[in-house]
Protein backbone atom coordinates (compact mmCIF):
# COMPACT_ATOMS: atom_id res chain seq x y z
CA MET A 1 157.25 73.64 137.75
CA ALA A 2 157.03 77.32 136.94
CA GLN A 3 153.76 78.58 135.55
CA LYS A 4 153.81 80.32 132.20
CA SER A 5 153.06 84.00 132.49
CA LYS A 6 149.86 85.13 130.84
CA ARG A 7 150.26 87.57 127.97
CA SER A 8 148.76 90.94 128.74
CA PRO A 9 146.04 91.95 126.32
CA ILE A 10 147.23 94.54 123.81
CA GLU A 11 145.56 97.89 124.26
CA PRO A 12 143.82 99.24 121.14
CA PRO A 13 145.48 102.31 119.61
CA ARG A 14 144.46 105.70 120.92
CA ILE A 15 141.97 107.63 118.79
CA GLU A 16 142.69 111.34 118.51
CA ARG A 17 139.76 113.74 118.39
CA ARG A 18 140.15 116.88 116.32
CA GLY A 19 137.35 119.44 116.58
CA GLY A 20 133.66 118.79 116.32
CA ALA A 21 131.45 117.93 113.40
CA ALA A 22 130.20 120.80 111.27
CA PRO A 23 126.43 120.82 111.84
CA PHE A 24 123.94 119.71 109.21
CA GLN A 25 121.00 122.06 108.81
CA ASP A 26 118.80 119.13 107.76
CA ALA A 27 118.24 116.45 110.42
CA GLU A 28 117.45 113.86 107.73
CA LEU A 29 120.87 114.43 106.20
CA ALA A 30 122.56 114.20 109.58
CA VAL A 31 121.08 110.74 110.11
CA GLY A 32 121.66 109.73 106.50
CA THR A 33 125.37 110.39 106.78
CA SER A 34 125.88 108.44 110.02
CA ALA A 35 123.36 105.63 110.59
CA HIS A 36 124.90 103.22 108.07
CA TYR A 37 128.13 103.29 110.05
CA ASP A 38 126.71 102.74 113.54
CA ASP A 39 127.03 98.94 113.32
CA PRO A 40 130.58 98.05 112.25
CA ALA A 41 129.93 94.29 112.47
CA TYR A 42 127.16 94.49 109.87
CA TYR A 43 129.12 96.98 107.75
CA GLY A 44 132.17 94.72 107.75
CA ARG A 45 130.10 91.72 106.73
CA ALA A 46 128.24 93.62 104.00
CA TYR A 47 131.40 94.73 102.20
CA ALA A 48 133.80 91.91 103.08
CA ARG A 49 133.96 90.69 99.48
CA ARG A 50 134.60 94.11 97.98
CA SER A 51 138.26 93.96 97.02
CA SER A 52 138.89 95.84 93.78
CA ASP A 53 139.16 99.19 95.57
CA VAL A 54 141.39 97.67 98.26
CA ASP A 55 143.80 96.42 95.58
CA TYR A 56 143.68 99.75 93.73
CA TYR A 57 144.43 101.99 96.70
CA THR A 58 147.00 99.61 98.17
CA ASP A 59 148.88 99.64 94.88
CA LEU A 60 148.78 103.46 94.76
CA ALA A 61 149.92 103.76 98.37
CA SER A 62 152.82 101.35 97.90
CA ARG A 63 154.25 103.65 95.22
CA VAL A 64 154.47 106.82 97.32
CA ARG A 65 156.93 107.85 100.00
CA GLY A 66 155.69 108.63 103.46
CA PRO A 67 152.27 108.23 105.05
CA VAL A 68 148.91 108.29 103.28
CA LEU A 69 146.03 110.43 104.53
CA GLU A 70 142.75 108.52 104.22
CA TYR A 71 139.47 110.38 104.65
CA GLY A 72 136.57 108.08 105.51
CA CYS A 73 138.72 105.19 106.73
CA GLY A 74 135.75 103.49 108.44
CA ASN A 75 136.69 100.28 110.21
CA GLY A 76 139.81 99.80 108.17
CA ARG A 77 138.98 97.74 105.11
CA ILE A 78 141.52 99.73 103.08
CA SER A 79 143.63 101.19 105.92
CA LEU A 80 144.63 97.77 107.22
CA ALA A 81 145.53 96.51 103.75
CA MET A 82 147.85 99.48 103.21
CA ALA A 83 149.45 99.13 106.65
CA ARG A 84 150.05 95.42 106.08
CA VAL A 85 152.19 96.13 103.01
CA GLY A 86 154.30 98.65 104.90
CA VAL A 87 152.50 101.94 104.25
CA PRO A 88 151.97 104.35 107.17
CA VAL A 89 148.35 105.53 107.26
CA VAL A 90 146.57 108.43 108.94
CA GLY A 91 142.93 107.32 109.02
CA VAL A 92 140.22 109.95 109.51
CA ASP A 93 136.55 109.26 110.13
CA LEU A 94 133.60 110.96 111.79
CA SER A 95 132.10 107.69 113.05
CA ARG A 96 133.39 106.81 116.50
CA ALA A 97 131.81 103.36 116.24
CA MET A 98 133.81 102.57 113.11
CA LEU A 99 137.04 103.92 114.56
CA ASP A 100 136.57 101.95 117.79
CA ASP A 101 136.09 98.81 115.71
CA LEU A 102 139.21 99.58 113.67
CA ALA A 103 141.18 100.12 116.87
CA GLU A 104 140.07 96.72 118.16
CA ARG A 105 141.07 95.10 114.88
CA LEU A 106 144.45 96.82 115.01
CA ALA A 107 145.05 95.40 118.49
CA ALA A 108 145.08 91.94 116.89
CA GLU A 109 147.68 92.93 114.28
CA PRO A 110 151.46 92.56 114.62
CA ALA A 111 153.23 95.45 116.35
CA GLU A 112 154.75 96.72 113.12
CA VAL A 113 151.29 97.03 111.51
CA ARG A 114 149.79 98.71 114.56
CA GLY A 115 152.63 101.21 114.58
CA ARG A 116 151.86 102.32 111.03
CA VAL A 117 148.28 103.46 111.70
CA ARG A 118 147.20 106.71 113.34
CA LEU A 119 143.47 107.20 113.94
CA ILE A 120 141.70 110.56 114.07
CA GLU A 121 138.02 111.24 114.77
CA ALA A 122 137.20 114.38 112.81
CA ASP A 123 134.96 116.00 110.21
CA MET A 124 136.72 115.89 106.85
CA ARG A 125 135.39 119.37 106.08
CA THR A 126 137.22 120.97 109.02
CA LEU A 127 140.23 118.79 109.89
CA GLU A 128 143.52 120.66 110.23
CA LEU A 129 146.81 118.77 110.44
CA ASP A 130 150.35 120.13 110.36
CA GLU A 131 151.61 117.40 108.04
CA ARG A 132 151.42 117.21 104.26
CA TYR A 133 151.02 114.00 102.31
CA ALA A 134 152.09 112.72 98.92
CA LEU A 135 148.81 110.82 98.65
CA VAL A 136 145.41 111.77 100.03
CA ILE A 137 142.53 109.37 99.39
CA CYS A 138 138.79 109.39 100.00
CA PRO A 139 137.51 105.91 99.06
CA PHE A 140 134.17 104.19 98.58
CA ASN A 141 131.67 107.03 98.16
CA ALA A 142 132.71 109.00 101.25
CA PHE A 143 132.71 112.02 98.92
CA LEU A 144 128.96 111.48 98.38
CA HIS A 145 128.28 112.70 101.93
CA LEU A 146 129.21 116.21 100.79
CA TYR A 147 125.65 117.32 100.13
CA GLU A 148 126.08 121.05 99.44
CA ARG A 149 128.52 123.01 97.31
CA SER A 150 129.84 124.59 100.50
CA ASP A 151 130.61 121.10 101.86
CA VAL A 152 132.59 120.24 98.73
CA GLU A 153 134.49 123.54 98.86
CA ALA A 154 135.34 123.12 102.54
CA PHE A 155 136.58 119.56 102.02
CA LEU A 156 138.64 120.32 98.93
CA ALA A 157 140.26 123.24 100.78
CA ARG A 158 141.36 120.82 103.50
CA VAL A 159 142.68 118.36 100.91
CA ALA A 160 144.68 121.13 99.23
CA ALA A 161 146.12 122.18 102.59
CA HIS A 162 147.23 118.61 103.33
CA LEU A 163 148.79 117.78 99.95
CA ALA A 164 152.57 117.81 99.64
CA PRO A 165 154.04 119.50 96.54
CA GLY A 166 153.38 117.21 93.60
CA GLY A 167 151.02 115.08 95.68
CA ARG A 168 147.86 113.46 94.42
CA PHE A 169 144.29 113.34 95.66
CA VAL A 170 142.38 110.19 94.66
CA PHE A 171 138.74 109.41 95.39
CA ASP A 172 136.05 107.20 93.92
CA VAL A 173 132.30 107.66 93.60
CA SER A 174 129.48 105.73 91.99
CA MET A 175 128.27 107.16 88.69
CA PRO A 176 124.60 108.19 88.70
CA ASP A 177 122.37 105.79 86.79
CA PRO A 178 119.26 107.60 85.46
CA SER A 179 117.26 104.37 85.34
CA GLU A 180 117.97 103.72 89.01
CA LEU A 181 117.19 107.28 90.02
CA ALA A 182 113.82 106.97 88.26
CA ARG A 183 112.68 104.05 90.43
CA PRO A 184 109.23 104.54 91.99
CA ALA A 185 109.57 106.18 95.38
CA GLY A 186 108.70 103.87 98.24
CA LYS A 187 108.75 100.62 96.27
CA LEU A 188 110.45 97.82 98.18
CA TYR A 189 113.19 96.00 96.27
CA ARG A 190 113.85 92.65 97.88
CA ALA A 191 117.25 90.96 98.10
CA ARG A 192 118.23 87.53 99.40
CA PRO A 193 117.90 86.88 103.15
CA PHE A 194 121.18 86.70 105.03
CA VAL A 195 122.58 86.27 108.53
CA TYR A 196 122.87 89.59 110.35
CA PRO A 197 125.71 89.59 112.93
CA GLY A 198 124.32 88.93 116.39
CA MET A 199 120.75 88.73 115.14
CA GLY A 200 120.44 85.67 112.97
CA ARG A 201 118.75 85.34 109.62
CA VAL A 202 116.90 88.43 108.32
CA ARG A 203 114.81 89.31 105.28
CA TYR A 204 116.21 92.36 103.54
CA GLY A 205 114.96 95.01 101.15
CA GLU A 206 115.66 98.58 100.02
CA ARG A 207 113.49 101.57 99.16
CA PHE A 208 114.75 104.52 97.14
CA GLU A 209 113.66 108.12 96.69
CA TYR A 210 115.52 110.62 94.55
CA ASP A 211 115.32 114.38 95.03
CA PRO A 212 116.25 115.77 91.59
CA LEU A 213 116.55 119.38 92.76
CA ARG A 214 119.12 118.63 95.45
CA GLN A 215 120.52 115.58 93.58
CA LEU A 216 120.16 113.47 96.71
CA LEU A 217 119.38 109.76 96.72
CA PHE A 218 117.62 108.64 99.90
CA VAL A 219 117.91 104.92 100.64
CA SER A 220 116.07 103.00 103.33
CA MET A 221 117.68 99.62 104.10
CA GLU A 222 115.03 97.47 105.79
CA PHE A 223 115.63 94.39 107.93
CA GLU A 224 113.05 91.86 109.14
CA PRO A 225 114.50 89.31 111.60
CA GLU A 226 113.06 85.84 111.01
CA SER A 227 113.23 85.29 114.77
CA GLY A 228 110.25 87.59 115.20
CA ALA A 229 112.26 90.44 116.70
CA PRO A 230 111.12 93.95 115.67
CA SER A 231 111.92 95.05 112.14
CA PHE A 232 114.14 98.08 111.66
CA ALA A 233 115.47 100.34 108.92
CA THR A 234 118.75 102.15 108.35
CA PRO A 235 118.75 105.34 106.27
CA LEU A 236 121.53 106.37 103.91
CA VAL A 237 121.79 109.55 101.82
CA HIS A 238 124.18 109.96 98.89
CA ARG A 239 124.69 113.06 96.78
CA GLN A 240 124.71 112.26 93.07
CA PHE A 241 127.60 113.87 91.19
CA TYR A 242 127.79 113.67 87.41
CA PRO A 243 131.29 113.48 85.87
CA ARG A 244 131.22 116.92 84.20
CA GLU A 245 129.86 118.44 87.39
CA LEU A 246 132.74 116.97 89.38
CA GLU A 247 135.23 118.17 86.79
CA ALA A 248 133.94 121.74 87.25
CA LEU A 249 133.89 121.54 91.05
CA LEU A 250 137.45 120.24 91.11
CA HIS A 251 138.65 122.85 88.61
CA TYR A 252 137.18 125.83 90.42
CA ASN A 253 138.64 124.57 93.69
CA GLY A 254 142.15 124.40 92.32
CA PHE A 255 142.41 120.80 91.10
CA GLU A 256 142.88 119.17 87.74
CA ILE A 257 141.96 115.60 86.86
CA VAL A 258 144.97 113.70 85.54
CA GLU A 259 143.22 110.35 85.20
CA MET A 260 139.77 108.78 85.48
CA VAL A 261 139.59 105.04 86.09
CA GLY A 262 136.41 103.07 85.50
CA ASP A 263 135.57 100.43 88.10
CA PHE A 264 139.24 100.33 89.17
CA ALA A 265 140.08 98.52 85.95
CA GLY A 266 140.29 100.75 82.90
CA GLU A 267 138.66 103.45 80.82
CA VAL A 268 135.39 105.09 81.78
CA SER A 269 132.41 104.19 79.60
CA ALA A 270 128.65 104.48 79.63
CA GLU A 271 128.54 101.11 81.43
CA THR A 272 130.89 102.21 84.21
CA CYS A 273 129.44 101.88 87.70
CA GLY A 274 132.10 103.79 89.62
CA ILE A 275 134.85 106.25 88.77
CA ALA A 276 138.14 106.85 90.54
CA TYR A 277 139.37 110.42 90.04
CA VAL A 278 143.13 110.99 90.22
CA CYS A 279 143.76 114.68 90.83
CA GLU A 280 146.58 117.14 91.34
CA LEU A 281 146.60 120.75 92.40
CA ARG A 282 146.72 123.07 89.41
CA ALA A 283 149.93 125.09 89.06
CA ALA A 284 148.26 128.35 90.09
CA ALA A 285 146.64 126.71 93.14
CA SER A 286 149.79 124.94 94.29
CA GLY A 287 152.02 127.95 93.82
CA LYS A 288 154.20 126.13 91.29
CA PRO A 289 155.34 128.10 88.21
CA LYS A 290 153.66 127.18 84.98
CA ARG A 291 155.78 125.25 82.50
């Protein structure tokens, strides 16, 4: 009786590397923009139930022709959803750990899904591609890692260079909450214990410190394993952009806002937690004649 041949394991997709990361002058910011993404298993577990943005971007992507350029694709929470509905995706991220995890997840997908995703390790402030895209997205607060005006200008210049004529740039950010930014620095805010992947049950808490001059929110996510293993903390730094501030930054970098969506559901209000900005290049910036 002939033995069945064993199926060869599918190799994960190749990850392209384009240039190096633009250096941060502040070491605390360098860590605050990367540490949260060093453990894809925890990251995936922490945001597994977040689905409103997945639905929103997947719907947008399904309505455009050609591939979508996604800045800050991480380990594929949104990229995979788009690819599964037939949309080609070029996913860009600076975190090699997240991209490696996404590549492993892609290896388990059907061939047609794998073939729709291209992965690039690059800094979104410096990436240069030859292609242009009808839709460029930057989901889930990736924009908040642009700490200086020069970072914003560099990134928006790359977005403009990668947009096809008539294309749209869509990103979402959390809206600053003055009451949250006024929290006492260093105070520990406890949350429910949970099971940390590969570590078991942990006690969890967060500390916050807001720098009002630089508009930077420093977060320390603290984990205490109930097994008795050493406690550890993960830093995260987010720039706080107010809506009118973003409107000005976009305008003076050649963009106009055509729609603002509150919490992926409707109009923006004082109770809105996050805003999705739908933008186009202004006529003068895109080279199109004014109507």
